[in-house]
Protein backbone atom coordinates (compact mmCIF):
# COMPACT_ATOMS: atom_id res chain seq x y z
CA MET A 1 -37.63 -49.17 -81.17
CA GLU A 2 -36.08 -48.49 -84.53
CA THR A 3 -36.45 -51.02 -87.25
CA GLU A 4 -34.23 -50.84 -90.22
CA VAL A 5 -35.90 -51.67 -93.44
CA VAL A 6 -33.58 -53.48 -95.77
CA LYS A 7 -34.71 -52.76 -99.25
CA LYS A 8 -34.32 -55.77 -101.48
CA LYS A 9 -32.92 -55.15 -104.95
CA LYS A 10 -34.69 -56.35 -107.98
CA ARG A 11 -32.99 -59.25 -109.70
CA SER A 12 -32.55 -57.23 -112.89
CA VAL A 13 -30.75 -54.45 -110.98
CA ALA A 14 -28.48 -56.93 -109.20
CA LYS A 15 -27.70 -58.64 -112.51
CA ARG A 16 -26.86 -55.30 -114.15
CA GLU A 17 -24.53 -54.38 -111.27
CA LYS A 18 -22.83 -57.77 -111.46
CA LEU A 19 -22.22 -57.36 -115.20
CA ALA A 20 -20.81 -53.87 -114.61
CA ALA A 21 -18.43 -55.28 -111.98
CA VAL A 22 -17.26 -58.00 -114.36
CA LYS A 23 -16.64 -55.44 -117.11
CA GLU A 24 -14.70 -53.24 -114.69
CA ALA A 25 -12.54 -56.19 -113.62
CA ALA A 26 -11.86 -57.05 -117.27
CA LYS A 27 -10.36 -53.60 -117.88
CA SER A 28 -7.16 -54.70 -116.16
CA GLY A 29 -5.39 -58.03 -115.92
CA ALA A 30 -5.00 -60.63 -118.65
CA ALA A 31 -5.47 -59.74 -122.31
CA THR A 32 -6.92 -62.13 -124.86
CA SER A 33 -6.60 -62.00 -128.65
CA TYR A 34 -8.44 -64.07 -131.21
CA LEU A 35 -7.53 -65.09 -134.74
CA LYS A 36 -10.42 -66.43 -136.80
CA ASN A 37 -10.56 -68.42 -140.05
CA VAL A 38 -6.82 -68.94 -140.52
CA PRO A 39 -6.43 -70.92 -143.77
CA SER A 40 -4.29 -73.77 -142.41
CA SER A 41 -5.22 -76.99 -140.72
CA PRO A 42 -5.73 -76.95 -136.95
CA ARG A 43 -3.17 -79.73 -136.55
CA LYS A 44 -0.39 -77.62 -138.09
CA MET A 45 -1.33 -74.60 -135.97
CA ARG A 46 -1.42 -76.71 -132.77
CA LEU A 47 2.21 -77.72 -133.36
CA VAL A 48 3.19 -74.04 -133.21
CA ALA A 49 0.87 -73.30 -130.28
CA ASP A 50 2.50 -76.09 -128.24
CA LEU A 51 5.90 -74.45 -128.71
CA ILE A 52 4.94 -71.23 -126.92
CA ARG A 53 2.40 -72.38 -124.31
CA GLY A 54 3.54 -71.23 -120.83
CA GLU A 55 6.65 -69.41 -122.12
CA ARG A 56 7.62 -65.84 -121.31
CA VAL A 57 6.59 -63.41 -124.03
CA SER A 58 10.14 -62.47 -125.07
CA LYS A 59 11.14 -66.13 -125.47
CA ALA A 60 7.90 -66.94 -127.29
CA LEU A 61 8.51 -64.12 -129.78
CA ASN A 62 12.02 -65.43 -130.46
CA ILE A 63 10.73 -68.96 -130.97
CA LEU A 64 8.08 -67.79 -133.42
CA LYS A 65 10.42 -65.46 -135.29
CA TYR A 66 12.86 -68.25 -136.14
CA GLU A 67 10.34 -71.08 -136.59
CA ALA A 68 10.19 -72.28 -140.20
CA GLN A 69 6.52 -73.24 -140.25
CA HIS A 70 4.10 -70.95 -142.05
CA ALA A 71 1.73 -70.88 -139.06
CA ALA A 72 4.44 -69.32 -136.85
CA ALA A 73 4.20 -65.96 -138.66
CA LYS A 74 0.45 -65.75 -137.99
CA MET A 75 0.92 -66.79 -134.37
CA GLU A 76 3.65 -64.14 -133.90
CA LYS A 77 1.32 -61.44 -135.18
CA LEU A 78 -1.41 -62.64 -132.80
CA LEU A 79 1.02 -62.61 -129.85
CA LEU A 80 2.04 -59.03 -130.66
CA SER A 81 -1.64 -58.10 -130.77
CA ALA A 82 -2.21 -59.66 -127.34
CA ILE A 83 0.79 -57.79 -125.91
CA SER A 84 -0.52 -54.50 -127.33
CA SER A 85 -3.95 -55.23 -125.87
CA TRP A 86 -2.39 -55.93 -122.46
CA GLU A 87 -0.47 -52.62 -122.63
CA SER A 88 -3.64 -50.66 -123.36
CA LYS A 89 -5.47 -52.35 -120.45
CA ASN A 90 -2.61 -51.86 -117.98
CA SER A 91 -1.25 -48.44 -118.93
CA ASP A 92 0.13 -47.83 -115.42
CA VAL A 93 2.58 -50.81 -115.62
CA LYS A 94 5.69 -50.82 -117.81
CA LEU A 95 5.96 -53.73 -120.22
CA GLU A 96 9.58 -54.49 -119.26
CA GLU A 97 8.67 -54.80 -115.57
CA ALA A 98 5.46 -56.75 -116.17
CA ASP A 99 7.12 -60.14 -116.86
CA LEU A 100 4.37 -61.30 -119.23
CA PHE A 101 3.89 -64.94 -120.22
CA VAL A 102 1.61 -66.88 -122.55
CA LYS A 103 -1.08 -68.02 -120.14
CA VAL A 104 -3.47 -69.79 -122.50
CA VAL A 105 -3.22 -70.71 -126.16
CA PHE A 106 -5.53 -73.11 -127.91
CA VAL A 107 -6.60 -73.90 -131.46
CA ASP A 108 -10.10 -74.88 -132.55
CA GLY A 109 -11.21 -76.10 -135.93
CA GLY A 110 -12.83 -73.53 -138.18
CA ARG A 111 -15.02 -74.00 -141.21
CA GLN A 112 -14.04 -76.38 -144.00
CA LEU A 113 -14.22 -75.55 -147.67
CA LYS A 114 -15.22 -78.67 -149.60
CA ARG A 115 -13.80 -79.01 -153.09
CA LEU A 116 -13.79 -81.82 -155.67
CA ARG A 117 -10.68 -83.24 -157.28
CA PRO A 118 -10.85 -85.45 -160.38
CA ALA A 119 -10.06 -89.12 -159.75
CA PRO A 120 -9.53 -92.05 -162.13
CA GLN A 121 -12.39 -93.58 -164.13
CA GLY A 122 -14.60 -90.48 -164.03
CA ARG A 123 -14.89 -90.37 -160.26
CA ALA A 124 -14.34 -87.41 -157.96
CA HIS A 125 -12.66 -87.24 -154.55
CA ARG A 126 -13.58 -84.65 -151.95
CA VAL A 127 -10.81 -82.32 -150.73
CA ARG A 128 -11.44 -80.60 -147.39
CA LYS A 129 -9.60 -77.29 -147.09
CA ARG A 130 -9.48 -76.73 -143.34
CA SER A 131 -9.22 -73.54 -141.34
CA ASN A 132 -8.83 -72.81 -137.64
CA HIS A 133 -9.50 -70.34 -134.84
CA VAL A 134 -6.75 -69.43 -132.36
CA THR A 135 -7.23 -67.93 -128.88
CA LEU A 136 -4.19 -66.52 -127.04
CA THR A 137 -4.09 -64.97 -123.56
CA VAL A 138 -1.13 -63.17 -121.97
CA ASP A 139 -0.86 -62.21 -118.31
CA ARG A 140 1.67 -61.19 -115.67
CA MET A 141 3.77 -63.92 -114.13
CA PRO A 142 2.54 -64.65 -110.59
CA ALA A 143 5.07 -63.61 -107.92
CA LYS A 144 5.55 -67.13 -106.52
CA ALA A 145 6.12 -68.72 -109.92
CA ALA A 146 8.61 -66.02 -110.91
CA ALA A 147 10.61 -66.60 -107.72
CA VAL A 148 10.65 -70.38 -108.26
CA LYS A 149 11.80 -70.04 -111.88
CA SER A 150 14.60 -67.62 -110.97
CA GLU A 151 15.79 -70.00 -108.21
CA ALA A 152 15.77 -72.88 -110.68
CA LYS A 153 17.94 -70.90 -113.10
CA GLU A 154 20.42 -70.05 -110.33
CA THR A 155 20.76 -73.72 -109.29
CA LYS A 156 21.48 -74.75 -112.91
CA GLU A 157 24.33 -72.26 -113.19
């Protein structure tokens, strides 16, 4: 009678293998770019972020290129960085065929510089110079969503 001995892995070994698998999975797929300590208020940057959320990359670049707000130029540069990052991760797929879209974009508040401004009668008012952090993720359009969007365009025409 043969008995198979199943050797149990140590928890540290299993954890190391799991981390390696996660890193391997992160080498392809979505690409994320970060922009830290942008010297504009988070509210102004969120207005620009809302314009491109969920849009295809080509349309998002056009929106940002012709947007008058100062934050749009920084967001455009971040989007180009995310696209470049996606290309380096997925070197086997052509960018034109990939059908990339802005999957996630959000703006968090950064640090505030506190300054004093003179006020009447010898007083001083505090001025808070705000900054923000932006996170942008691009990914391939899922096959089902791409088919639904193309059908919607055809019905409009």
